[in-house]
Amino acid sequence: MKLVDIYRVKTYVIPEYVENVIQSVLSVDDLQVGQYKNVMWQTKDGMEQFVPSGTAVPTEGKKGEKERVTSFRIEFSIPRDEDLLTKVIEQGIYAAHPWDEPVVQVTEEREARKHES
């Protein structure tokens, strides 16, 4: 067993854009864990809430009005490499995400690897 330093990346996406965001992220990194690639998790049927304001350019909802939409959480890990993290967020998530300002959460964690690779 080996512990490796990783970034855990999470974002929230409306259902009709989930596959676009996934494919965009995979075009940047194959999300390999051990002998498996394209490793990610999806949690579906969550609810996002927001109020567009100021200079927002909302895909859903109207400025000044509360909006609630169904969303999926997409979550994956990558090696703790800041250049890779920047590419995954900018070229993977931001490039395919429909929101003007998508929520992207990044935490530093450690993952266990059963097999050394």
C-alpha atoms as a PDB file:
ATOM      1  CA  MET A   1       0.000   0.000   0.000  1.00  0.00           C
ATOM      2  CA  LYS A   2       1.156   3.503  -0.834  1.00  0.00           C
ATOM      3  CA  LEU A   3      -0.280   6.926   0.051  1.00  0.00           C
ATOM      4  CA  VAL A   4      -0.118   9.534  -2.714  1.00  0.00           C
ATOM      5  CA  ASP A   5      -0.704  13.287  -2.589  1.00  0.00           C
ATOM      6  CA  ILE A   6      -3.634  14.351  -4.765  1.00  0.00           C
ATOM      7  CA  TYR A   7      -5.985  17.203  -5.506  1.00  0.00           C
ATOM      8  CA  ARG A   8      -9.665  16.283  -5.126  1.00  0.00           C
ATOM      9  CA  VAL A   9     -11.674  18.359  -7.606  1.00  0.00           C
ATOM     10  CA  LYS A  10     -15.464  18.812  -7.411  1.00  0.00           C
ATOM     11  CA  THR A  11     -17.842  20.788  -9.585  1.00  0.00           C
ATOM     12  CA  TYR A  12     -21.595  20.994 -10.013  1.00  0.00           C
ATOM     13  CA  VAL A  13     -23.231  20.767 -13.442  1.00  0.00           C
ATOM     14  CA  ILE A  14     -26.781  20.745 -14.788  1.00  0.00           C
ATOM     15  CA  PRO A  15     -27.669  17.321 -16.277  1.00  0.00           C
ATOM     16  CA  GLU A  16     -27.559  18.299 -19.943  1.00  0.00           C
ATOM     17  CA  TYR A  17     -23.895  19.416 -19.614  1.00  0.00           C
ATOM     18  CA  VAL A  18     -22.519  16.570 -17.484  1.00  0.00           C
ATOM     19  CA  GLU A  19     -21.125  14.548 -20.395  1.00  0.00           C
ATOM     20  CA  ASN A  20     -19.649  17.670 -22.047  1.00  0.00           C
ATOM     21  CA  VAL A  21     -17.754  18.579 -18.874  1.00  0.00           C
ATOM     22  CA  ILE A  22     -16.590  14.995 -18.335  1.00  0.00           C
ATOM     23  CA  GLN A  23     -15.273  14.662 -21.898  1.00  0.00           C
ATOM     24  CA  SER A  24     -13.594  18.065 -21.664  1.00  0.00           C
ATOM     25  CA  VAL A  25     -11.790  17.089 -18.441  1.00  0.00           C
ATOM     26  CA  LEU A  26     -10.754  13.748 -19.966  1.00  0.00           C
ATOM     27  CA  SER A  27      -9.285  15.587 -22.961  1.00  0.00           C
ATOM     28  CA  VAL A  28      -6.859  17.235 -20.513  1.00  0.00           C
ATOM     29  CA  ASP A  29      -6.077  14.237 -18.263  1.00  0.00           C
ATOM     30  CA  ASP A  30      -7.099  10.579 -18.375  1.00  0.00           C
ATOM     31  CA  LEU A  31      -7.738  10.518 -14.583  1.00  0.00           C
ATOM     32  CA  GLN A  32      -5.713   7.395 -13.941  1.00  0.00           C
ATOM     33  CA  VAL A  33      -5.824   5.613 -10.580  1.00  0.00           C
ATOM     34  CA  GLY A  34      -3.587   2.565 -10.545  1.00  0.00           C
ATOM     35  CA  GLN A  35      -4.407   0.455 -13.592  1.00  0.00           C
ATOM     36  CA  TYR A  36      -7.725   2.251 -14.245  1.00  0.00           C
ATOM     37  CA  LYS A  37      -8.351   5.425 -16.211  1.00  0.00           C
ATOM     38  CA  ASN A  38     -11.311   7.816 -16.490  1.00  0.00           C
ATOM     39  CA  VAL A  39     -11.928   7.369 -12.743  1.00  0.00           C
ATOM     40  CA  MET A  40     -14.532   9.813 -11.464  1.00  0.00           C
ATOM     41  CA  TRP A  41     -17.687   9.946  -9.402  1.00  0.00           C
ATOM     42  CA  GLN A  42     -21.070  11.479 -10.051  1.00  0.00           C
ATOM     43  CA  THR A  43     -23.706  12.284  -7.499  1.00  0.00           C
ATOM     44  CA  LYS A  44     -26.972  13.169  -9.172  1.00  0.00           C
ATOM     45  CA  ASP A  45     -30.139  15.048  -8.403  1.00  0.00           C
ATOM     46  CA  GLY A  46     -28.729  17.694  -6.112  1.00  0.00           C
ATOM     47  CA  MET A  47     -30.133  21.203  -6.051  1.00  0.00           C
ATOM     48  CA  GLU A  48     -28.165  24.374  -6.812  1.00  0.00           C
ATOM     49  CA  GLN A  49     -29.453  27.741  -5.691  1.00  0.00           C
ATOM     50  CA  PHE A  50     -28.219  31.180  -6.752  1.00  0.00           C
ATOM     51  CA  VAL A  51     -29.229  34.765  -7.490  1.00  0.00           C
ATOM     52  CA  PRO A  52     -27.513  36.313 -10.535  1.00  0.00           C
ATOM     53  CA  SER A  53     -26.437  39.889  -9.809  1.00  0.00           C
ATOM     54  CA  GLY A  54     -24.208  42.690 -11.079  1.00  0.00           C
ATOM     55  CA  THR A  55     -22.573  41.819 -14.374  1.00  0.00           C
ATOM     56  CA  ALA A  56     -23.540  38.119 -14.237  1.00  0.00           C
ATOM     57  CA  VAL A  57     -24.425  36.476 -17.536  1.00  0.00           C
ATOM     58  CA  PRO A  58     -26.777  33.725 -16.330  1.00  0.00           C
ATOM     59  CA  THR A  59     -27.416  30.623 -18.412  1.00  0.00           C
ATOM     60  CA  GLU A  60     -30.426  29.920 -16.197  1.00  0.00           C
ATOM     61  CA  GLY A  61     -32.519  32.401 -14.226  1.00  0.00           C
ATOM     62  CA  LYS A  62     -32.786  36.194 -14.268  1.00  0.00           C
ATOM     63  CA  LYS A  63     -30.706  38.860 -12.551  1.00  0.00           C
ATOM     64  CA  GLY A  64     -31.992  39.598  -9.064  1.00  0.00           C
ATOM     65  CA  GLU A  65     -34.209  36.505  -8.872  1.00  0.00           C
ATOM     66  CA  LYS A  66     -33.471  33.346  -6.904  1.00  0.00           C
ATOM     67  CA  GLU A  67     -33.075  30.314  -9.164  1.00  0.00           C
ATOM     68  CA  ARG A  68     -32.953  26.636  -8.235  1.00  0.00           C
ATOM     69  CA  VAL A  69     -31.820  23.968 -10.680  1.00  0.00           C
ATOM     70  CA  THR A  70     -31.119  20.254 -10.513  1.00  0.00           C
ATOM     71  CA  SER A  71     -27.403  19.509 -10.751  1.00  0.00           C
ATOM     72  CA  PHE A  72     -24.915  16.647 -10.597  1.00  0.00           C
ATOM     73  CA  ARG A  73     -21.693  16.742  -8.603  1.00  0.00           C
ATOM     74  CA  ILE A  74     -18.711  15.531 -10.601  1.00  0.00           C
ATOM     75  CA  GLU A  75     -15.697  14.586  -8.514  1.00  0.00           C
ATOM     76  CA  PHE A  76     -12.266  13.208  -9.378  1.00  0.00           C
ATOM     77  CA  SER A  77      -8.670  13.205  -8.227  1.00  0.00           C
ATOM     78  CA  ILE A  78      -5.453  14.160  -9.997  1.00  0.00           C
ATOM     79  CA  PRO A  79      -1.812  14.100  -8.890  1.00  0.00           C
ATOM     80  CA  ARG A  80      -0.867  17.118  -6.805  1.00  0.00           C
ATOM     81  CA  ASP A  81       0.583  19.109  -9.699  1.00  0.00           C
ATOM     82  CA  GLU A  82      -0.447  22.778  -9.854  1.00  0.00           C
ATOM     83  CA  ASP A  83       0.111  23.107 -13.609  1.00  0.00           C
ATOM     84  CA  LEU A  84      -2.114  20.085 -14.241  1.00  0.00           C
ATOM     85  CA  LEU A  85      -4.735  21.454 -11.835  1.00  0.00           C
ATOM     86  CA  THR A  86      -4.815  24.773 -13.707  1.00  0.00           C
ATOM     87  CA  LYS A  87      -5.229  22.986 -17.065  1.00  0.00           C
ATOM     88  CA  VAL A  88      -7.974  20.706 -15.744  1.00  0.00           C
ATOM     89  CA  ILE A  89      -9.931  23.661 -14.381  1.00  0.00           C
ATOM     90  CA  GLU A  90      -9.389  26.132 -17.238  1.00  0.00           C
ATOM     91  CA  GLN A  91      -9.281  23.826 -20.281  1.00  0.00           C
ATOM     92  CA  GLY A  92     -11.429  21.023 -18.876  1.00  0.00           C
ATOM     93  CA  ILE A  93     -14.132  22.412 -16.594  1.00  0.00           C
ATOM     94  CA  TYR A  94     -14.390  26.097 -17.566  1.00  0.00           C
ATOM     95  CA  ALA A  95     -14.210  25.342 -21.295  1.00  0.00           C
ATOM     96  CA  ALA A  96     -17.311  23.091 -21.202  1.00  0.00           C
ATOM     97  CA  HIS A  97     -19.298  24.341 -18.212  1.00  0.00           C
ATOM     98  CA  PRO A  98     -22.410  26.396 -19.005  1.00  0.00           C
ATOM     99  CA  TRP A  99     -22.204  28.682 -15.972  1.00  0.00           C
ATOM    100  CA  ASP A 100     -20.684  32.153 -16.055  1.00  0.00           C
ATOM    101  CA  GLU A 101     -18.942  31.367 -12.727  1.00  0.00           C
ATOM    102  CA  PRO A 102     -18.948  27.615 -12.025  1.00  0.00           C
ATOM    103  CA  VAL A 103     -18.253  26.412  -8.509  1.00  0.00           C
ATOM    104  CA  VAL A 104     -15.039  24.367  -8.535  1.00  0.00           C
ATOM    105  CA  GLN A 105     -13.794  23.083  -5.192  1.00  0.00           C
ATOM    106  CA  VAL A 106     -10.247  21.808  -4.750  1.00  0.00           C
ATOM    107  CA  THR A 107      -8.850  20.119  -1.658  1.00  0.00           C
ATOM    108  CA  GLU A 108      -5.449  18.641  -0.966  1.00  0.00           C
ATOM    109  CA  GLU A 109      -5.780  15.035   0.164  1.00  0.00           C
ATOM    110  CA  ARG A 110      -4.018  11.703   0.186  1.00  0.00           C
ATOM    111  CA  GLU A 111      -5.318   8.561  -1.480  1.00  0.00           C
ATOM    112  CA  ALA A 112      -4.302   5.000  -0.792  1.00  0.00           C
ATOM    113  CA  ARG A 113      -3.043   2.895  -3.694  1.00  0.00           C
ATOM    114  CA  LYS A 114      -3.284  -0.829  -3.184  1.00  0.00           C
ATOM    115  CA  HIS A 115      -0.852  -1.515  -6.009  1.00  0.00           C
ATOM    116  CA  GLU A 116       2.233   0.578  -6.629  1.00  0.00           C
ATOM    117  CA  SER A 117       2.357   2.013 -10.135  1.00  0.00           C
END
